[in-house]
């Protein structure tokens, strides 16, 4: 069974040992792993994986991309171990896991803010919410991806997956709560 979190831990450990910046390598992986998935899907086997990784390593060296040895090694190992499965989106789970781990170690909290209108997705409201969430969860920084969702009818809801936290202050959420309460009262 594929465990993206274990792969992410191993990658960060190698980066730390080699003195590489895992965030820089993550950008590199986000570009290279999807290509690796296509290569391994069409030409499975360690030879093709080795040829692909060697080509990527050579290109990184020729273009002066520094600090990606761990990323190239991870790409090579991932293609060998995961083979054709690499094309099934495992690389996206891996890069997400690495990003979450980097954020956690740097004290960055990431989440989503959905709002019925644009006014809640920027400006003072967004800054105040990020500040409050940072204090609540002890994060150095908070970054919320914002989305306008008219189906909320009014208000907003935020989610911080890493903390398993969600708050729904939308009109649609309140109406759903009332509907559930009425159904439960009728039983």
Protein backbone atom coordinates (compact mmCIF):
# COMPACT_ATOMS: atom_id res chain seq x y z
CA UNK A 1 0.00 0.00 0.00
CA UNK A 2 1.30 3.44 -0.96
CA UNK A 3 1.93 5.72 2.03
CA UNK A 4 2.66 9.25 0.82
CA UNK A 5 3.44 10.48 4.35
CA UNK A 6 6.26 7.94 4.79
CA UNK A 7 7.74 8.90 1.41
CA UNK A 8 7.52 12.58 2.43
CA UNK A 9 9.28 11.90 5.75
CA UNK A 10 12.08 10.05 3.96
CA UNK A 11 12.49 12.85 1.41
CA UNK A 12 12.74 15.53 4.12
CA UNK A 13 15.22 13.39 6.07
CA UNK A 14 17.49 13.08 3.01
CA UNK A 15 17.18 16.80 2.30
CA UNK A 16 18.17 17.57 5.88
CA UNK A 17 21.14 15.21 5.74
CA UNK A 18 22.38 16.70 2.46
CA UNK A 19 21.62 20.31 3.44
CA UNK A 20 19.12 20.77 0.61
CA UNK A 21 16.05 22.99 0.73
CA UNK A 22 13.04 20.62 0.63
CA UNK A 23 10.74 23.42 -0.57
CA UNK A 24 12.93 24.03 -3.62
CA UNK A 25 13.03 20.31 -4.34
CA UNK A 26 9.24 20.21 -3.98
CA UNK A 27 8.85 22.66 -6.87
CA UNK A 28 11.14 20.45 -8.91
CA UNK A 29 9.17 17.31 -7.97
CA UNK A 30 5.89 18.99 -8.89
CA UNK A 31 7.25 19.35 -12.41
CA UNK A 32 9.18 16.11 -12.79
CA UNK A 33 6.96 13.47 -11.12
CA UNK A 34 3.99 13.90 -13.48
CA UNK A 35 6.39 13.41 -16.39
CA UNK A 36 7.91 10.42 -14.63
CA UNK A 37 4.43 8.97 -14.34
CA UNK A 38 3.92 9.23 -18.07
CA UNK A 39 7.29 7.68 -18.82
CA UNK A 40 6.80 4.75 -16.47
CA UNK A 41 3.27 4.15 -17.78
CA UNK A 42 4.49 3.81 -21.36
CA UNK A 43 7.83 2.13 -20.70
CA UNK A 44 7.70 0.36 -17.33
CA UNK A 45 10.89 -1.03 -15.79
CA UNK A 46 14.00 0.15 -14.06
CA UNK A 47 15.94 0.86 -17.26
CA UNK A 48 13.46 3.45 -18.44
CA UNK A 49 13.25 4.87 -14.93
CA UNK A 50 17.03 5.10 -14.75
CA UNK A 51 17.25 6.71 -18.20
CA UNK A 52 14.58 9.25 -17.29
CA UNK A 53 16.20 10.09 -13.93
CA UNK A 54 19.64 10.37 -15.58
CA UNK A 55 18.21 12.75 -18.19
CA UNK A 56 16.54 14.86 -15.52
CA UNK A 57 19.72 14.86 -13.41
CA UNK A 58 21.82 15.92 -16.41
CA UNK A 59 19.34 18.67 -17.34
CA UNK A 60 19.30 19.92 -13.74
CA UNK A 61 23.09 20.03 -13.77
CA UNK A 62 23.33 21.75 -17.14
CA UNK A 63 20.77 24.39 -16.26
CA UNK A 64 22.38 25.08 -12.89
CA UNK A 65 19.48 23.90 -10.74
CA UNK A 66 21.13 23.40 -7.37
CA UNK A 67 19.87 21.43 -4.39
CA UNK A 68 17.73 18.89 -6.21
CA UNK A 69 19.81 15.73 -5.67
CA UNK A 70 17.26 14.39 -3.18
CA UNK A 71 14.40 15.19 -5.57
CA UNK A 72 16.11 13.36 -8.45
CA UNK A 73 16.86 10.38 -6.19
CA UNK A 74 13.24 10.33 -5.01
CA UNK A 75 12.03 10.44 -8.62
CA UNK A 76 14.26 7.50 -9.54
CA UNK A 77 13.15 5.43 -6.52
CA UNK A 78 9.49 6.34 -7.00
CA UNK A 79 9.53 5.17 -10.61
CA UNK A 80 11.26 1.93 -9.67
CA UNK A 81 8.99 1.09 -6.77
CA UNK A 82 5.70 2.40 -8.10
CA UNK A 83 6.12 1.62 -11.82
CA UNK A 84 2.93 2.05 -13.78
CA UNK A 85 1.04 3.15 -10.68
CA UNK A 86 2.99 6.37 -10.87
CA UNK A 87 0.61 7.47 -13.61
CA UNK A 88 -2.42 7.00 -11.36
CA UNK A 89 -1.94 10.23 -9.44
CA UNK A 90 0.28 8.97 -6.64
CA UNK A 91 2.77 11.71 -7.45
CA UNK A 92 0.12 14.32 -6.60
CA UNK A 93 -0.48 12.67 -3.22
CA UNK A 94 3.27 12.56 -2.66
CA UNK A 95 3.87 16.23 -3.47
CA UNK A 96 0.87 17.20 -1.29
CA UNK A 97 2.27 15.15 1.60
CA UNK A 98 5.69 16.77 1.22
CA UNK A 99 4.11 20.23 1.12
CA UNK A 100 2.07 19.53 4.28
CA UNK A 101 5.15 18.26 6.09
CA UNK A 102 7.22 21.28 5.09
CA UNK A 103 4.40 23.58 6.24
CA UNK A 104 4.11 21.75 9.55
CA UNK A 105 7.84 22.01 10.24
CA UNK A 106 7.84 25.70 9.33
CA UNK A 107 4.75 26.44 11.43
CA UNK A 108 2.57 27.32 8.42
CA UNK A 109 -1.13 26.50 8.58
CA UNK A 110 -2.95 26.14 5.26
CA UNK A 111 -6.67 25.98 4.73
CA UNK A 112 -9.63 27.01 2.63
CA UNK A 113 -12.09 29.85 3.04
CA UNK A 114 -15.32 29.65 1.09
CA UNK A 115 -17.54 32.72 1.08
CA UNK A 116 -20.85 33.60 -0.50
CA UNK A 117 -19.44 36.90 -1.79
CA UNK A 118 -16.12 38.46 -2.70
CA UNK A 119 -16.04 40.78 0.30
CA UNK A 120 -15.10 37.93 2.68
CA UNK A 121 -12.37 36.53 0.42
CA UNK A 122 -9.95 39.44 0.71
CA UNK A 123 -9.06 42.49 2.74
CA UNK A 124 -9.46 43.00 6.45
CA UNK A 125 -11.84 40.07 7.04
CA UNK A 126 -9.36 37.60 5.54
CA UNK A 127 -6.40 39.08 7.48
CA UNK A 128 -8.36 39.01 10.75
CA UNK A 129 -9.45 35.41 10.20
CA UNK A 130 -5.89 34.31 9.38
CA UNK A 131 -4.61 36.08 12.52
CA UNK A 132 -7.29 34.47 14.71
CA UNK A 133 -6.59 31.00 13.29
CA UNK A 134 -2.85 31.50 13.78
CA UNK A 135 -3.41 32.32 17.45
CA UNK A 136 -5.88 29.46 17.93
CA UNK A 137 -3.58 26.81 16.43
CA UNK A 138 -0.21 28.34 17.38
CA UNK A 139 0.93 28.78 13.78
CA UNK A 140 3.63 31.19 12.68
CA UNK A 141 1.71 31.92 9.51
CA UNK A 142 -1.71 31.08 8.06
CA UNK A 143 -2.53 30.93 4.37
CA UNK A 144 -6.13 30.46 3.29
CA UNK A 145 -7.06 29.64 -0.27
CA UNK A 146 -10.20 31.62 -1.01
CA UNK A 147 -13.16 30.62 -3.14
CA UNK A 148 -16.46 32.34 -3.85
CA UNK A 149 -19.32 29.87 -3.44
CA UNK A 150 -22.76 31.44 -4.04
CA UNK A 151 -24.43 28.21 -2.84
CA UNK A 152 -23.59 29.32 0.72
CA UNK A 153 -26.30 32.03 0.30
CA UNK A 154 -24.49 34.29 2.78
CA UNK A 155 -21.59 34.14 5.19
CA UNK A 156 -18.56 31.86 4.98
CA UNK A 157 -16.97 28.59 6.07
CA UNK A 158 -13.35 27.69 6.63
CA UNK A 159 -11.50 24.39 6.76
CA UNK A 160 -8.07 23.49 8.11
CA UNK A 161 -7.61 19.84 7.11
CA UNK A 162 -4.33 19.31 8.98
CA UNK A 163 -6.13 20.18 12.21
CA UNK A 164 -9.38 18.43 11.30
CA UNK A 165 -11.15 21.73 11.87
CA UNK A 166 -14.10 23.23 10.07
CA UNK A 167 -16.42 26.07 10.95
CA UNK A 168 -19.53 26.85 8.94
CA UNK A 169 -20.92 30.36 9.42
CA UNK A 170 -22.96 30.35 6.23
CA UNK A 171 -26.67 30.77 5.76
CA UNK A 172 -26.83 27.44 3.90
CA UNK A 173 -25.09 25.78 6.87
CA UNK A 174 -27.51 27.30 9.35
CA UNK A 175 -30.48 26.18 7.27
CA UNK A 176 -29.08 22.63 7.14
CA UNK A 177 -28.67 22.65 10.93
CA UNK A 178 -32.27 23.80 11.36
CA UNK A 179 -33.52 21.12 8.96
CA UNK A 180 -31.64 18.37 10.86
CA UNK A 181 -32.95 19.70 14.18
CA UNK A 182 -36.55 19.66 12.91
CA UNK A 183 -36.16 16.10 11.58
CA UNK A 184 -34.68 14.95 14.89
CA UNK A 185 -37.44 16.69 16.86
CA UNK A 186 -40.08 14.88 14.81
CA UNK A 187 -38.76 11.43 15.73
